[in-house]
Protein backbone atom coordinates (compact mmCIF):
# COMPACT_ATOMS: atom_id res chain seq x y z
CA MET A 1 -3.81 -29.96 -7.71
CA ASP A 2 -4.70 -29.79 -4.21
CA LYS A 3 -5.84 -26.47 -3.03
CA THR A 4 -3.26 -24.51 -0.53
CA ASN A 5 -4.80 -23.30 2.83
CA ALA A 6 -2.90 -19.74 2.01
CA LYS A 7 -5.52 -17.25 0.51
CA LEU A 8 -5.36 -14.30 -1.70
CA PHE A 9 -7.25 -11.48 0.02
CA LEU A 10 -8.56 -8.62 -2.26
CA ILE A 11 -8.30 -5.43 -0.33
CA PRO A 12 -10.17 -2.34 -1.28
CA ASN A 13 -8.24 1.18 -0.57
CA LEU A 14 -9.68 4.54 -0.10
CA ILE A 15 -10.83 6.78 -2.76
CA GLY A 16 -10.22 9.97 -0.87
CA ASN A 17 -9.22 11.48 2.41
CA THR A 18 -11.68 9.41 4.11
CA PRO A 19 -11.71 7.67 7.39
CA THR A 20 -10.92 4.18 6.99
CA THR A 21 -13.58 3.44 9.47
CA ASP A 22 -16.35 5.28 7.32
CA VAL A 23 -15.87 3.23 4.17
CA LEU A 24 -14.26 -0.08 5.10
CA PRO A 25 -15.78 -2.96 7.11
CA LEU A 26 -13.95 -4.12 10.36
CA ILE A 27 -12.83 -7.39 8.70
CA VAL A 28 -10.38 -5.39 6.59
CA HIS A 29 -8.67 -4.11 9.50
CA ASN A 30 -8.47 -7.45 11.03
CA VAL A 31 -7.15 -9.26 7.98
CA VAL A 32 -4.75 -6.83 6.92
CA SER A 33 -2.99 -6.84 10.61
CA SER A 34 -2.12 -10.60 9.96
CA ILE A 35 -0.84 -10.43 6.48
CA LYS A 36 3.04 -9.79 5.63
CA HIS A 37 2.83 -9.94 2.01
CA PHE A 38 1.27 -7.46 -0.44
CA ILE A 39 0.87 -7.05 -3.97
CA VAL A 40 0.17 -3.27 -4.90
CA GLU A 41 0.45 -0.79 -7.65
CA ASP A 42 2.44 1.88 -5.96
CA ILE A 43 4.38 0.93 -2.73
CA ARG A 44 4.31 4.33 -1.24
CA ASN A 45 0.59 4.78 -1.85
CA ALA A 46 0.31 1.25 -0.24
CA ARG A 47 2.09 2.04 2.91
CA ARG A 48 0.27 5.32 3.52
CA PHE A 49 -2.82 3.20 3.34
CA LEU A 50 -1.81 0.38 5.55
CA LYS A 51 -0.26 2.89 8.24
CA LYS A 52 -3.90 4.84 8.04
CA LEU A 53 -5.74 1.56 8.44
CA ASP A 54 -3.68 0.33 11.57
CA SER A 55 -1.31 3.09 13.18
CA GLU A 56 0.51 0.23 14.95
CA ILE A 57 1.58 -1.61 11.84
CA LEU A 58 5.14 -2.71 11.27
CA ILE A 59 5.59 -1.50 7.84
CA ASP A 60 9.61 -2.37 7.52
CA SER A 61 8.54 -6.07 8.51
CA LEU A 62 6.22 -6.25 5.36
CA VAL A 63 6.96 -7.43 1.92
CA PHE A 64 5.63 -5.63 -1.14
CA TYR A 65 5.29 -6.92 -4.87
CA GLU A 66 4.91 -4.17 -7.38
CA LEU A 67 2.17 -4.66 -9.83
CA ASN A 68 2.09 -1.97 -12.61
CA LYS A 69 3.20 -1.30 -16.28
CA HIS A 70 6.83 -1.73 -15.35
CA THR A 71 6.27 -5.19 -14.16
CA THR A 72 7.67 -8.15 -15.97
CA GLN A 73 5.64 -11.24 -16.71
CA GLU A 74 8.43 -13.04 -15.19
CA GLU A 75 8.18 -11.17 -11.76
CA ILE A 76 4.36 -11.67 -11.86
CA SER A 77 4.80 -15.27 -12.23
CA THR A 78 6.50 -15.46 -8.56
CA TYR A 79 4.05 -13.29 -6.43
CA LEU A 80 1.92 -16.12 -5.44
CA ASP A 81 5.08 -18.45 -4.48
CA VAL A 82 4.50 -17.46 -0.67
CA CYS A 83 0.82 -18.97 -0.92
CA ILE A 84 2.21 -22.05 -2.16
CA ALA A 85 4.60 -21.93 1.11
CA GLY A 86 1.57 -21.54 3.03
CA GLU A 87 1.40 -17.96 3.65
CA ASP A 88 -1.67 -15.51 2.95
CA ILE A 89 -0.88 -12.65 0.45
CA ALA A 90 -3.30 -9.60 -0.16
CA LEU A 91 -3.86 -7.46 -3.32
CA ILE A 92 -4.26 -3.86 -2.96
CA SER A 93 -5.78 -1.41 -5.22
CA GLU A 94 -4.41 2.13 -5.68
CA ALA A 95 -7.75 3.54 -5.26
CA GLY A 96 -11.06 1.63 -4.61
CA LEU A 97 -11.76 -2.04 -5.38
CA PRO A 98 -8.95 -4.28 -6.77
CA CYS A 99 -9.50 -5.39 -10.54
CA ILE A 100 -12.07 -2.92 -11.14
CA ALA A 101 -10.84 -0.31 -13.45
CA ASP A 102 -7.42 -1.37 -11.94
CA PRO A 103 -4.64 -4.01 -12.68
CA GLY A 104 -4.75 -7.42 -10.69
CA ASN A 105 -6.91 -9.39 -12.38
CA GLN A 106 -4.11 -11.46 -13.91
CA ILE A 107 -2.98 -12.24 -10.40
CA VAL A 108 -6.56 -13.16 -9.38
CA MET A 109 -6.54 -15.61 -12.45
CA MET A 110 -3.31 -16.95 -11.65
CA ALA A 111 -4.69 -17.66 -8.24
CA HIS A 112 -7.51 -19.53 -9.63
CA LYS A 113 -5.20 -21.57 -11.98
CA MET A 114 -3.14 -22.48 -8.84
CA ASN A 115 -6.16 -23.38 -6.68
CA ILE A 116 -5.50 -20.82 -4.40
CA ARG A 117 -8.83 -19.37 -2.53
CA VAL A 118 -9.66 -15.82 -3.38
CA ILE A 119 -11.53 -13.81 -0.81
CA PRO A 120 -12.84 -10.37 -1.88
CA PHE A 121 -13.75 -7.60 0.76
CA SER A 122 -16.39 -4.89 0.09
CA GLY A 123 -15.20 -1.45 0.02
CA PRO A 124 -15.70 1.89 -1.79
CA SER A 125 -16.04 1.88 -5.91
CA SER A 126 -16.20 5.24 -7.45
CA ILE A 127 -17.94 3.43 -10.42
CA PHE A 128 -20.52 1.50 -8.54
CA MET A 129 -21.28 4.48 -6.20
CA ALA A 130 -21.71 6.81 -9.24
CA LEU A 131 -24.15 4.30 -10.81
CA MET A 132 -26.17 3.57 -7.65
CA SER A 133 -26.56 7.46 -7.02
CA SER A 134 -27.18 8.40 -10.82
CA GLY A 135 -30.88 7.47 -11.12
CA LEU A 136 -29.90 5.68 -14.34
CA ASN A 137 -30.16 2.15 -15.29
CA GLY A 138 -28.28 -0.16 -12.73
CA GLN A 139 -29.85 -3.22 -14.31
CA ASN A 140 -28.11 -3.05 -17.76
CA PHE A 141 -24.73 -0.91 -17.57
CA ALA A 142 -21.15 -0.86 -19.22
CA PHE A 143 -17.87 0.41 -17.87
CA ASN A 144 -15.91 1.94 -20.71
CA GLY A 145 -12.95 2.79 -18.83
CA TYR A 146 -10.96 5.76 -20.23
CA LEU A 147 -11.90 7.36 -23.51
CA SER A 148 -9.37 8.51 -26.16
CA VAL A 149 -6.92 11.26 -25.75
CA GLU A 150 -7.39 12.51 -29.23
CA SER A 151 -10.34 15.03 -29.30
CA GLN A 152 -12.03 13.94 -32.55
CA LEU A 153 -11.49 10.06 -31.68
CA ARG A 154 -13.24 10.93 -28.31
CA ILE A 155 -16.24 12.77 -29.66
CA ARG A 156 -16.89 9.90 -31.96
CA GLN A 157 -16.79 7.29 -28.79
CA LEU A 158 -19.37 9.53 -27.01
CA LYS A 159 -21.54 9.75 -29.68
CA VAL A 160 -21.37 5.71 -30.33
CA LEU A 161 -21.82 5.24 -26.32
CA GLU A 162 -25.02 7.75 -26.53
CA ASN A 163 -26.38 5.54 -29.40
CA LYS A 164 -25.87 2.50 -27.62
CA SER A 165 -27.40 3.85 -24.38
CA LEU A 166 -30.53 4.86 -26.59
CA ARG A 167 -30.47 1.39 -28.43
CA GLU A 168 -29.94 -0.96 -25.73
CA LYS A 169 -31.32 1.03 -22.75
CA GLN A 170 -27.86 0.54 -21.10
CA SER A 171 -26.16 3.09 -19.15
CA GLN A 172 -22.72 3.95 -20.18
CA ILE A 173 -19.93 4.67 -17.79
CA PHE A 174 -16.66 6.19 -18.52
CA MET A 175 -14.00 8.63 -17.04
CA ASP A 176 -11.07 10.55 -17.81
CA THR A 177 -7.80 11.60 -16.37
CA PRO A 178 -8.73 14.61 -13.86
CA TYR A 179 -6.83 17.28 -15.57
CA ARG A 180 -9.09 16.52 -19.00
CA ASN A 181 -12.37 16.72 -17.22
CA ASN A 182 -13.42 19.79 -18.16
CA LYS A 183 -12.44 19.61 -21.78
CA LEU A 184 -14.52 16.03 -21.77
CA PHE A 185 -17.45 17.54 -20.21
CA ASN A 186 -17.53 20.37 -22.66
CA GLU A 187 -17.27 17.96 -25.51
CA ILE A 188 -20.19 16.19 -23.84
CA LEU A 189 -22.32 19.30 -23.79
CA LEU A 190 -21.40 20.21 -27.48
CA ASN A 191 -21.97 16.82 -29.06
CA LEU A 192 -24.62 15.03 -27.33
CA ASN A 193 -28.32 15.11 -27.62
CA PRO A 194 -30.03 17.81 -25.53
CA ASP A 195 -32.36 15.06 -24.02
CA THR A 196 -29.46 12.73 -23.14
CA TYR A 197 -29.29 12.21 -19.46
CA LEU A 198 -25.79 12.93 -17.92
CA CYS A 199 -24.71 12.01 -14.29
CA VAL A 200 -21.50 13.92 -13.04
CA ALA A 201 -20.05 12.17 -9.98
CA SER A 202 -16.81 13.69 -8.32
CA ASN A 203 -14.82 13.15 -5.02
CA ILE A 204 -17.16 10.24 -4.23
CA SER A 205 -17.05 9.30 -0.47
CA CYS A 206 -15.23 12.77 0.48
CA GLU A 207 -16.51 15.84 2.24
CA ASN A 208 -16.97 17.60 -0.98
CA GLU A 209 -18.68 15.07 -3.02
CA PHE A 210 -20.74 16.01 -6.12
CA ILE A 211 -23.32 13.87 -7.84
CA MET A 212 -26.01 15.36 -10.19
CA THR A 213 -27.69 13.92 -12.99
CA LYS A 214 -29.33 16.37 -15.54
CA LYS A 215 -30.46 16.49 -19.02
CA ILE A 216 -27.56 17.79 -21.42
CA ALA A 217 -29.71 20.85 -22.08
CA GLU A 218 -29.97 21.54 -18.47
CA TRP A 219 -26.19 21.04 -17.84
CA LYS A 220 -25.67 23.59 -20.43
CA LYS A 221 -27.20 26.27 -18.13
CA LEU A 222 -24.86 25.40 -15.17
CA ASN A 223 -21.43 26.62 -14.38
CA ILE A 224 -19.24 23.80 -12.88
CA ASN A 225 -15.31 23.23 -12.65
CA LEU A 226 -14.26 19.44 -12.64
CA ASP A 227 -10.70 20.43 -13.14
CA LYS A 228 -8.49 18.03 -11.24
CA LYS A 229 -11.13 16.20 -9.48
CA PRO A 230 -11.71 12.33 -9.88
CA CYS A 231 -14.91 12.12 -11.87
CA ILE A 232 -17.08 9.34 -13.33
CA PHE A 233 -19.34 10.22 -16.11
CA ILE A 234 -22.71 8.45 -16.90
CA ILE A 235 -25.16 8.67 -20.07
């Protein structure tokens, strides 16, 4: 199949209430202003982001395609038809980088299969920004996503990750829903080895950003509240 001239752009979103010029390259602003079709997880979120990116953008002239747990495969299979027709389309993450702890990879794979050029742009990623500022191993690491919501299973998962980090010298990155952060943090302190290093990174790229790496034994001497704050944990 011949490659279409139209492209799929991967647009990073903000991960906090931060000025777009602080965390996004100028090319993102320029490209977005020329695109009329957007694949997004949440339309309201995307509209706010685009308006913040370009206050003069005509939101009502844009076409949005939702990509979330309610989207059917039949709907998804049509999302890149505009590229075949010769128009560019953009995939926007709800927060941070598209396809990194975020839906969208199936759109990208579909683009590759259809010989549509995929163009990614750099931007904020809480996962990688936490890792790079943790002091932990950035040459061998794994992102484990969300741990189980069931407490006993989550504790077992934490111990497996701790053993793997020791055995393979591999940083283990994970996260949880913000309202469960304090419970997860307490389980980490109660169940992991006192000498295990833990990095806690919250509100990354925001004014109230907090990033700290200490041994479990040292964390136990501190009093921090992570409730409802977007967090990344690394051991």
